[in-house]
Amino acid sequence: MNHVDIRPMTVKDVPQVGALEKEIFSDPWSEASFRREVEEGGETSWLRVAVEEGSERLVGYCVAWFVADEVHLANVAVAPDLRRRGLAQRILVELMEAGAAKGSRMVVLEVRRSNVAAQALYHRNGFFTAMIRRGYYRNDKEDALVMIKHLGEADSRTLRDGRQS
């Protein structure tokens, strides 16, 4: 894998983000939804893309919102051929650092009960399961686990590499 840069999402990125979204998720967001986030999200939205240097191929993205004193992680995705190489970890760390810098107390997310790989990533980063939302996903009515990470608990090593010290 070439070097990957993580940068703010732009309107130009939306077609590639939408294509990756459709490739990865069974209930994908529309391109219009991503475009609206880029154009109207303002200070409350945290939108990032991961772009492979040299090829300009978009290989990952994240959508999150700063709401009151929390960060709500809506979506983090990595191209299937580049998973398990630390890219989701890098994106997650940047999000947690941005949340801490804004004074957020926690990160909250929903994850499919069947998505054990994502759950493992979140657990490695200090998230815990707070509750279950039954039938949360509209396309197949799968349950979602609501996971929470309190910010300020971890030292910098935990944020950097996802391991507890």
N, C-alpha and C. Protein backbone atom coordinates (compact mmCIF):
# COMPACT_ATOMS: atom_id res chain seq x y z
N MET A 1 0.85 -1.17 0.00
CA MET A 1 0.00 0.00 0.00
C MET A 1 0.89 1.23 0.00
N ASN A 2 0.58 2.17 -0.88
CA ASN A 2 1.26 3.46 -0.88
C ASN A 2 0.88 4.23 0.38
N HIS A 3 1.56 5.34 0.61
CA HIS A 3 1.20 6.20 1.73
C HIS A 3 -0.23 6.70 1.54
N VAL A 4 -0.96 6.83 2.64
CA VAL A 4 -2.34 7.29 2.60
C VAL A 4 -2.43 8.59 3.38
N ASP A 5 -2.99 9.62 2.75
CA ASP A 5 -3.24 10.90 3.40
C ASP A 5 -4.69 10.95 3.85
N ILE A 6 -4.91 11.46 5.05
CA ILE A 6 -6.27 11.69 5.54
C ILE A 6 -6.49 13.19 5.54
N ARG A 7 -7.56 13.60 4.86
CA ARG A 7 -7.84 15.03 4.70
C ARG A 7 -9.34 15.27 4.73
N PRO A 8 -9.75 16.53 4.85
CA PRO A 8 -11.19 16.83 4.82
C PRO A 8 -11.84 16.41 3.49
N MET A 9 -13.05 15.93 3.57
CA MET A 9 -13.83 15.54 2.39
C MET A 9 -14.30 16.80 1.66
N THR A 10 -14.27 16.74 0.32
CA THR A 10 -14.77 17.83 -0.51
C THR A 10 -15.87 17.30 -1.42
N VAL A 11 -16.56 18.20 -2.08
CA VAL A 11 -17.62 17.80 -3.02
C VAL A 11 -17.03 16.92 -4.13
N LYS A 12 -15.80 17.20 -4.54
CA LYS A 12 -15.16 16.38 -5.58
C LYS A 12 -15.00 14.92 -5.17
N ASP A 13 -14.93 14.66 -3.86
CA ASP A 13 -14.75 13.30 -3.35
C ASP A 13 -16.04 12.50 -3.34
N VAL A 14 -17.17 13.17 -3.39
CA VAL A 14 -18.46 12.52 -3.17
C VAL A 14 -18.72 11.33 -4.10
N PRO A 15 -18.43 11.40 -5.42
CA PRO A 15 -18.68 10.22 -6.24
C PRO A 15 -17.87 8.99 -5.79
N GLN A 16 -16.61 9.18 -5.44
CA GLN A 16 -15.81 8.04 -4.97
C GLN A 16 -16.29 7.54 -3.61
N VAL A 17 -16.67 8.47 -2.72
CA VAL A 17 -17.21 8.08 -1.41
C VAL A 17 -18.49 7.27 -1.62
N GLY A 18 -19.38 7.76 -2.48
CA GLY A 18 -20.62 7.06 -2.75
C GLY A 18 -20.40 5.67 -3.32
N ALA A 19 -19.44 5.54 -4.22
CA ALA A 19 -19.13 4.23 -4.81
C ALA A 19 -18.61 3.27 -3.75
N LEU A 20 -17.71 3.75 -2.89
CA LEU A 20 -17.17 2.90 -1.84
C LEU A 20 -18.26 2.52 -0.84
N GLU A 21 -19.12 3.46 -0.53
CA GLU A 21 -20.25 3.22 0.37
C GLU A 21 -21.12 2.07 -0.17
N LYS A 22 -21.43 2.12 -1.46
CA LYS A 22 -22.27 1.07 -2.08
C LYS A 22 -21.56 -0.27 -2.09
N GLU A 23 -20.25 -0.25 -2.24
CA GLU A 23 -19.47 -1.50 -2.25
C GLU A 23 -19.46 -2.16 -0.88
N ILE A 24 -19.45 -1.35 0.17
CA ILE A 24 -19.23 -1.86 1.52
C ILE A 24 -20.52 -2.16 2.28
N PHE A 25 -21.50 -1.26 2.19
CA PHE A 25 -22.66 -1.35 3.07
C PHE A 25 -23.90 -1.85 2.35
N SER A 26 -24.71 -2.64 3.08
CA SER A 26 -25.94 -3.19 2.50
C SER A 26 -27.06 -2.16 2.48
N ASP A 27 -26.93 -1.10 3.25
CA ASP A 27 -27.93 -0.04 3.30
C ASP A 27 -27.19 1.30 3.14
N PRO A 28 -26.67 1.56 1.93
CA PRO A 28 -25.76 2.69 1.74
C PRO A 28 -26.44 4.05 1.77
N TRP A 29 -25.65 5.05 2.22
CA TRP A 29 -26.08 6.44 2.10
C TRP A 29 -26.05 6.79 0.62
N SER A 30 -26.86 7.75 0.22
CA SER A 30 -26.85 8.22 -1.17
C SER A 30 -25.74 9.25 -1.35
N GLU A 31 -25.33 9.45 -2.59
CA GLU A 31 -24.37 10.51 -2.88
C GLU A 31 -24.92 11.86 -2.44
N ALA A 32 -26.22 12.05 -2.60
CA ALA A 32 -26.85 13.32 -2.19
C ALA A 32 -26.67 13.56 -0.70
N SER A 33 -26.74 12.49 0.10
CA SER A 33 -26.55 12.65 1.55
C SER A 33 -25.12 13.10 1.86
N PHE A 34 -24.14 12.49 1.20
CA PHE A 34 -22.76 12.90 1.42
C PHE A 34 -22.54 14.34 0.95
N ARG A 35 -23.10 14.67 -0.20
CA ARG A 35 -22.95 16.03 -0.74
C ARG A 35 -23.55 17.05 0.23
N ARG A 36 -24.71 16.74 0.77
CA ARG A 36 -25.36 17.63 1.72
C ARG A 36 -24.48 17.82 2.97
N GLU A 37 -23.87 16.74 3.44
CA GLU A 37 -22.97 16.85 4.60
C GLU A 37 -21.80 17.78 4.29
N VAL A 38 -21.20 17.63 3.11
CA VAL A 38 -20.06 18.47 2.74
C VAL A 38 -20.48 19.93 2.62
N GLU A 39 -21.61 20.16 1.96
CA GLU A 39 -22.04 21.53 1.67
C GLU A 39 -22.67 22.24 2.87
N GLU A 40 -23.35 21.48 3.74
CA GLU A 40 -24.13 22.12 4.79
C GLU A 40 -23.71 21.74 6.21
N GLY A 41 -22.74 20.85 6.35
CA GLY A 41 -22.38 20.34 7.66
C GLY A 41 -21.79 21.35 8.62
N GLY A 42 -21.03 22.28 8.09
CA GLY A 42 -20.45 23.33 8.93
C GLY A 42 -19.53 22.80 10.01
N GLU A 43 -19.52 23.51 11.12
CA GLU A 43 -18.62 23.19 12.23
C GLU A 43 -19.01 21.91 12.97
N THR A 44 -20.26 21.46 12.81
CA THR A 44 -20.68 20.27 13.54
C THR A 44 -20.27 18.98 12.85
N SER A 45 -19.94 19.03 11.56
CA SER A 45 -19.57 17.83 10.82
C SER A 45 -18.07 17.63 10.80
N TRP A 46 -17.64 16.38 10.92
CA TRP A 46 -16.24 16.00 10.77
C TRP A 46 -16.21 14.97 9.66
N LEU A 47 -15.80 15.40 8.48
CA LEU A 47 -15.82 14.57 7.28
C LEU A 47 -14.39 14.40 6.79
N ARG A 48 -13.94 13.16 6.69
CA ARG A 48 -12.57 12.91 6.25
C ARG A 48 -12.56 11.82 5.19
N VAL A 49 -11.58 11.92 4.31
CA VAL A 49 -11.32 10.87 3.33
C VAL A 49 -9.86 10.45 3.46
N ALA A 50 -9.61 9.19 3.15
CA ALA A 50 -8.26 8.65 3.10
C ALA A 50 -7.95 8.40 1.63
N VAL A 51 -6.88 9.04 1.14
CA VAL A 51 -6.54 8.98 -0.28
C VAL A 51 -5.15 8.41 -0.43
N GLU A 52 -5.04 7.41 -1.29
CA GLU A 52 -3.75 6.77 -1.56
C GLU A 52 -2.89 7.71 -2.39
N GLU A 53 -1.74 8.04 -1.84
CA GLU A 53 -0.83 8.96 -2.52
C GLU A 53 -0.38 8.36 -3.85
N GLY A 54 -0.31 9.20 -4.85
CA GLY A 54 0.14 8.75 -6.17
C GLY A 54 -1.02 8.38 -7.07
N SER A 55 -1.92 7.53 -6.58
CA SER A 55 -3.04 7.10 -7.41
C SER A 55 -4.25 8.00 -7.24
N GLU A 56 -4.30 8.74 -6.14
CA GLU A 56 -5.46 9.57 -5.80
C GLU A 56 -6.72 8.73 -5.62
N ARG A 57 -6.54 7.43 -5.39
CA ARG A 57 -7.66 6.54 -5.12
C ARG A 57 -8.16 6.77 -3.70
N LEU A 58 -9.45 6.98 -3.55
CA LEU A 58 -10.06 7.14 -2.24
C LEU A 58 -10.22 5.74 -1.64
N VAL A 59 -9.61 5.51 -0.48
CA VAL A 59 -9.60 4.17 0.11
C VAL A 59 -10.31 4.10 1.46
N GLY A 60 -10.84 5.22 1.91
CA GLY A 60 -11.57 5.20 3.16
C GLY A 60 -12.20 6.56 3.42
N TYR A 61 -13.12 6.60 4.38
CA TYR A 61 -13.76 7.86 4.73
C TYR A 61 -14.41 7.74 6.10
N CYS A 62 -14.76 8.89 6.63
CA CYS A 62 -15.42 8.95 7.93
C CYS A 62 -16.40 10.11 7.94
N VAL A 63 -17.55 9.89 8.56
CA VAL A 63 -18.53 10.94 8.82
C VAL A 63 -18.83 10.90 10.31
N ALA A 64 -18.67 12.04 10.94
CA ALA A 64 -18.99 12.16 12.36
C ALA A 64 -19.53 13.56 12.62
N TRP A 65 -20.22 13.70 13.75
CA TRP A 65 -20.79 14.99 14.11
C TRP A 65 -20.42 15.32 15.55
N PHE A 66 -20.18 16.59 15.80
CA PHE A 66 -19.99 17.10 17.15
C PHE A 66 -21.35 17.62 17.60
N VAL A 67 -21.93 16.96 18.59
CA VAL A 67 -23.26 17.31 19.08
C VAL A 67 -23.16 17.53 20.59
N ALA A 68 -23.44 18.75 21.01
CA ALA A 68 -23.32 19.13 22.43
C ALA A 68 -21.93 18.74 22.92
N ASP A 69 -21.84 17.84 23.90
CA ASP A 69 -20.54 17.46 24.44
C ASP A 69 -20.10 16.07 24.00
N GLU A 70 -20.64 15.61 22.87
CA GLU A 70 -20.24 14.29 22.38
C GLU A 70 -19.92 14.32 20.89
N VAL A 71 -19.22 13.28 20.47
CA VAL A 71 -18.95 13.03 19.07
C VAL A 71 -19.83 11.84 18.69
N HIS A 72 -20.60 11.98 17.62
CA HIS A 72 -21.38 10.84 17.13
C HIS A 72 -20.71 10.35 15.86
N LEU A 73 -20.16 9.15 15.91
CA LEU A 73 -19.52 8.53 14.75
C LEU A 73 -20.59 7.85 13.92
N ALA A 74 -20.86 8.41 12.75
CA ALA A 74 -21.91 7.88 11.89
C ALA A 74 -21.40 6.79 10.96
N ASN A 75 -20.18 6.97 10.46
CA ASN A 75 -19.72 6.09 9.40
C ASN A 75 -18.20 6.13 9.30
N VAL A 76 -17.58 4.99 9.35
CA VAL A 76 -16.15 4.88 9.02
C VAL A 76 -16.01 3.65 8.14
N ALA A 77 -15.31 3.82 7.03
CA ALA A 77 -15.21 2.73 6.06
C ALA A 77 -13.83 2.71 5.43
N VAL A 78 -13.37 1.50 5.13
CA VAL A 78 -12.09 1.29 4.45
C VAL A 78 -12.32 0.30 3.31
N ALA A 79 -11.69 0.57 2.18
CA ALA A 79 -11.81 -0.32 1.02
C ALA A 79 -11.47 -1.75 1.44
N PRO A 80 -12.25 -2.73 0.99
CA PRO A 80 -12.04 -4.12 1.41
C PRO A 80 -10.62 -4.63 1.20
N ASP A 81 -9.95 -4.22 0.13
CA ASP A 81 -8.60 -4.73 -0.14
C ASP A 81 -7.53 -4.09 0.74
N LEU A 82 -7.88 -3.10 1.53
CA LEU A 82 -6.90 -2.42 2.40
C LEU A 82 -7.23 -2.55 3.89
N ARG A 83 -8.15 -3.42 4.22
CA ARG A 83 -8.50 -3.60 5.63
C ARG A 83 -7.39 -4.33 6.38
N ARG A 84 -7.44 -4.15 7.69
CA ARG A 84 -6.50 -4.81 8.62
C ARG A 84 -5.06 -4.32 8.42
N ARG A 85 -4.94 -3.06 8.01
CA ARG A 85 -3.62 -2.44 7.85
C ARG A 85 -3.49 -1.17 8.68
N GLY A 86 -4.45 -0.93 9.55
CA GLY A 86 -4.37 0.19 10.47
C GLY A 86 -5.01 1.49 10.01
N LEU A 87 -5.64 1.49 8.84
CA LEU A 87 -6.22 2.73 8.34
C LEU A 87 -7.44 3.17 9.15
N ALA A 88 -8.33 2.26 9.48
CA ALA A 88 -9.49 2.62 10.31
C ALA A 88 -9.01 3.11 11.67
N GLN A 89 -7.97 2.50 12.19
CA GLN A 89 -7.39 2.94 13.46
C GLN A 89 -6.90 4.39 13.36
N ARG A 90 -6.19 4.72 12.29
CA ARG A 90 -5.70 6.09 12.09
C ARG A 90 -6.85 7.09 12.05
N ILE A 91 -7.89 6.74 11.29
CA ILE A 91 -9.05 7.63 11.17
C ILE A 91 -9.72 7.81 12.53
N LEU A 92 -9.90 6.71 13.24
CA LEU A 92 -10.55 6.76 14.55
C LEU A 92 -9.74 7.62 15.53
N VAL A 93 -8.43 7.47 15.52
CA VAL A 93 -7.57 8.27 16.40
C VAL A 93 -7.72 9.75 16.08
N GLU A 94 -7.69 10.10 14.80
CA GLU A 94 -7.84 11.50 14.43
C GLU A 94 -9.19 12.05 14.90
N LEU A 95 -10.24 11.25 14.78
CA LEU A 95 -11.55 11.68 15.25
C LEU A 95 -11.56 11.88 16.76
N MET A 96 -11.01 10.94 17.51
CA MET A 96 -10.99 11.06 18.96
C MET A 96 -10.17 12.27 19.40
N GLU A 97 -9.06 12.51 18.73
CA GLU A 97 -8.24 13.68 19.05
C GLU A 97 -8.99 14.98 18.74
N ALA A 98 -9.71 15.01 17.61
CA ALA A 98 -10.50 16.20 17.26
C ALA A 98 -11.60 16.42 18.30
N GLY A 99 -12.25 15.34 18.73
CA GLY A 99 -13.29 15.45 19.74
C GLY A 99 -12.74 15.97 21.06
N ALA A 100 -11.61 15.44 21.48
CA ALA A 100 -10.99 15.89 22.73
C ALA A 100 -10.61 17.36 22.64
N ALA A 101 -10.09 17.77 21.47
CA ALA A 101 -9.69 19.17 21.28
C ALA A 101 -10.90 20.10 21.34
N LYS A 102 -12.07 19.60 20.95
CA LYS A 102 -13.30 20.42 21.00
C LYS A 102 -13.99 20.34 22.34
N GLY A 103 -13.43 19.56 23.26
CA GLY A 103 -14.03 19.45 24.58
C GLY A 103 -15.13 18.40 24.69
N SER A 104 -15.22 17.51 23.70
CA SER A 104 -16.22 16.44 23.77
C SER A 104 -15.87 15.48 24.90
N ARG A 105 -16.88 14.99 25.58
CA ARG A 105 -16.67 14.05 26.68
C ARG A 105 -16.67 12.60 26.24
N MET A 106 -17.29 12.31 25.08
CA MET A 106 -17.40 10.91 24.66
C MET A 106 -17.62 10.81 23.16
N VAL A 107 -17.36 9.60 22.65
CA VAL A 107 -17.70 9.24 21.27
C VAL A 107 -18.77 8.16 21.37
N VAL A 108 -19.83 8.31 20.59
CA VAL A 108 -20.95 7.36 20.58
C VAL A 108 -21.14 6.87 19.15
N LEU A 109 -21.46 5.60 18.99
CA LEU A 109 -21.71 5.04 17.66
C LEU A 109 -22.66 3.86 17.75
N GLU A 110 -23.23 3.51 16.61
CA GLU A 110 -23.99 2.27 16.46
C GLU A 110 -23.23 1.39 15.49
N VAL A 111 -23.18 0.09 15.79
CA VAL A 111 -22.52 -0.87 14.92
C VAL A 111 -23.40 -2.11 14.84
N ARG A 112 -23.43 -2.69 13.66
CA ARG A 112 -24.23 -3.91 13.48
C ARG A 112 -23.75 -5.00 14.44
N ARG A 113 -24.72 -5.71 14.97
CA ARG A 113 -24.39 -6.83 15.86
C ARG A 113 -23.49 -7.84 15.15
N SER A 114 -23.65 -8.00 13.84
CA SER A 114 -22.86 -8.98 13.09
C SER A 114 -21.47 -8.48 12.69
N ASN A 115 -21.19 -7.19 12.88
CA ASN A 115 -19.91 -6.63 12.43
C ASN A 115 -18.86 -6.77 13.54
N VAL A 116 -18.38 -7.99 13.70
CA VAL A 116 -17.44 -8.27 14.79
C VAL A 116 -16.07 -7.63 14.55
N ALA A 117 -15.68 -7.44 13.32
CA ALA A 117 -14.39 -6.79 13.05
C ALA A 117 -14.41 -5.34 13.54
N ALA A 118 -15.48 -4.62 13.24
CA ALA A 118 -15.59 -3.23 13.71
C ALA A 118 -15.69 -3.20 15.23
N GLN A 119 -16.45 -4.11 15.81
CA GLN A 119 -16.56 -4.15 17.26
C GLN A 119 -15.19 -4.37 17.91
N ALA A 120 -14.37 -5.22 17.31
CA ALA A 120 -13.03 -5.48 17.85
C ALA A 120 -12.18 -4.21 17.81
N LEU A 121 -12.26 -3.47 16.71
CA LEU A 121 -11.54 -2.19 16.61
C LEU A 121 -11.97 -1.25 17.73
N TYR A 122 -13.26 -1.12 17.92
CA TYR A 122 -13.77 -0.21 18.93
C TYR A 122 -13.37 -0.67 20.33
N HIS A 123 -13.47 -1.97 20.61
CA HIS A 123 -13.07 -2.48 21.92
C HIS A 123 -11.59 -2.20 22.19
N ARG A 124 -10.74 -2.41 21.19
CA ARG A 124 -9.30 -2.13 21.34
C ARG A 124 -9.04 -0.67 21.69
N ASN A 125 -9.97 0.20 21.32
CA ASN A 125 -9.81 1.62 21.56
C ASN A 125 -10.60 2.11 22.77
N GLY A 126 -11.04 1.18 23.60
CA GLY A 126 -11.67 1.57 24.86
C GLY A 126 -13.15 1.79 24.81
N PHE A 127 -13.82 1.42 23.72
CA PHE A 127 -15.27 1.54 23.66
C PHE A 127 -15.90 0.37 24.42
N PHE A 128 -17.08 0.60 24.98
CA PHE A 128 -17.84 -0.47 25.60
C PHE A 128 -19.26 -0.43 25.04
N THR A 129 -19.93 -1.56 25.10
CA THR A 129 -21.32 -1.64 24.64
C THR A 129 -22.23 -1.14 25.74
N ALA A 130 -23.00 -0.10 25.43
CA ALA A 130 -23.87 0.52 26.42
C ALA A 130 -25.30 -0.03 26.35
N MET A 131 -25.74 -0.37 25.14
CA MET A 131 -27.10 -0.87 24.97
C MET A 131 -27.26 -1.46 23.58
N ILE A 132 -28.41 -2.06 23.34
CA ILE A 132 -28.75 -2.63 22.04
C ILE A 132 -29.98 -1.89 21.51
N ARG A 133 -29.91 -1.47 20.26
CA ARG A 133 -31.08 -0.91 19.58
C ARG A 133 -31.65 -2.02 18.70
N ARG A 134 -32.76 -2.57 19.11
CA ARG A 134 -33.37 -3.69 18.40
C ARG A 134 -33.94 -3.23 17.06
N GLY A 135 -33.66 -3.99 16.00
CA GLY A 135 -34.21 -3.69 14.68
C GLY A 135 -33.78 -2.35 14.11
N TYR A 136 -32.62 -1.87 14.48
CA TYR A 136 -32.16 -0.52 14.14
C TYR A 136 -31.96 -0.30 12.64
N TYR A 137 -31.39 -1.28 11.95
CA TYR A 137 -31.08 -1.09 10.53
C TYR A 137 -32.32 -1.36 9.69
N ARG A 138 -32.70 -0.36 8.89
CA ARG A 138 -34.00 -0.40 8.22
C ARG A 138 -34.08 -1.45 7.12
N ASN A 139 -32.97 -1.79 6.47
CA ASN A 139 -33.06 -2.72 5.34
C ASN A 139 -33.27 -4.16 5.78
N ASP A 140 -32.70 -4.56 6.91
CA ASP A 140 -32.83 -5.96 7.33
C ASP A 140 -33.23 -6.12 8.80
N LYS A 141 -33.48 -4.98 9.46
CA LYS A 141 -33.92 -4.96 10.86
C LYS A 141 -32.91 -5.58 11.83
N GLU A 142 -31.63 -5.62 11.44
CA GLU A 142 -30.60 -6.12 12.34
C GLU A 142 -30.44 -5.18 13.53
N ASP A 143 -30.11 -5.75 14.67
CA ASP A 143 -29.86 -4.96 15.87
C ASP A 143 -28.55 -4.19 15.73
N ALA A 144 -28.49 -3.06 16.43
CA ALA A 144 -27.26 -2.28 16.53
C ALA A 144 -26.80 -2.27 17.97
N LEU A 145 -25.49 -2.39 18.17
CA LEU A 145 -24.91 -2.18 19.48
C LEU A 145 -24.56 -0.70 19.57
N VAL A 146 -24.96 -0.05 20.63
CA VAL A 146 -24.56 1.32 20.89
C VAL A 146 -23.29 1.24 21.72
N MET A 147 -22.20 1.77 21.17
CA MET A 147 -20.91 1.71 21.85
C MET A 147 -20.47 3.13 22.21
N ILE A 148 -19.81 3.24 23.35
CA ILE A 148 -19.39 4.54 23.87
C ILE A 148 -17.92 4.47 24.29
N LYS A 149 -17.23 5.55 24.03
CA LYS A 149 -15.86 5.73 24.50
C LYS A 149 -15.80 7.07 25.22
N HIS A 150 -15.44 7.06 26.49
CA HIS A 150 -15.26 8.30 27.23
C HIS A 150 -13.90 8.86 26.87
N LEU A 151 -13.85 10.10 26.43
CA LEU A 151 -12.59 10.72 26.07
C LEU A 151 -11.88 11.21 27.33
N GLY A 152 -10.56 11.26 27.25
CA GLY A 152 -9.77 11.70 28.38
C GLY A 152 -9.34 10.57 29.29
N GLU A 153 -9.85 9.35 29.06
CA GLU A 153 -9.46 8.21 29.88
C GLU A 153 -8.16 7.59 29.41
N ALA A 154 -7.89 7.67 28.13
CA ALA A 154 -6.75 6.95 27.55
C ALA A 154 -5.52 7.83 27.50
N ASP A 155 -4.37 7.20 27.66
CA ASP A 155 -3.16 7.98 27.43
C ASP A 155 -2.86 8.00 25.95
N SER A 156 -1.88 8.74 25.54
CA SER A 156 -1.61 8.92 24.11
C SER A 156 -1.23 7.62 23.43
N ARG A 157 -0.63 6.67 24.14
CA ARG A 157 -0.28 5.38 23.50
C ARG A 157 -1.54 4.63 23.11
N THR A 158 -2.57 4.67 23.94
CA THR A 158 -3.82 3.98 23.62
C THR A 158 -4.42 4.58 22.36
N LEU A 159 -4.44 5.91 22.27
CA LEU A 159 -4.99 6.54 21.08
C LEU A 159 -4.16 6.21 19.85
N ARG A 160 -2.85 6.20 19.98
CA ARG A 160 -1.98 6.01 18.82
C ARG A 160 -2.05 4.61 18.24
N ASP A 161 -2.06 3.58 19.10
CA ASP A 161 -1.97 2.23 18.53
C ASP A 161 -3.13 1.32 18.90
N GLY A 162 -4.08 1.83 19.65
CA GLY A 162 -5.28 1.06 19.93
C GLY A 162 -5.11 0.01 21.01
N ARG A 163 -3.98 0.00 21.70
CA ARG A 163 -3.76 -0.99 22.76
C ARG A 163 -3.79 -0.30 24.12
N GLN A 164 -4.33 -0.98 25.08
CA GLN A 164 -4.30 -0.47 26.47
C GLN A 164 -2.89 -0.63 27.00
N SER A 165 -2.44 0.34 27.80
CA SER A 165 -1.10 0.22 28.38
C SER A 165 -1.18 -0.34 29.77
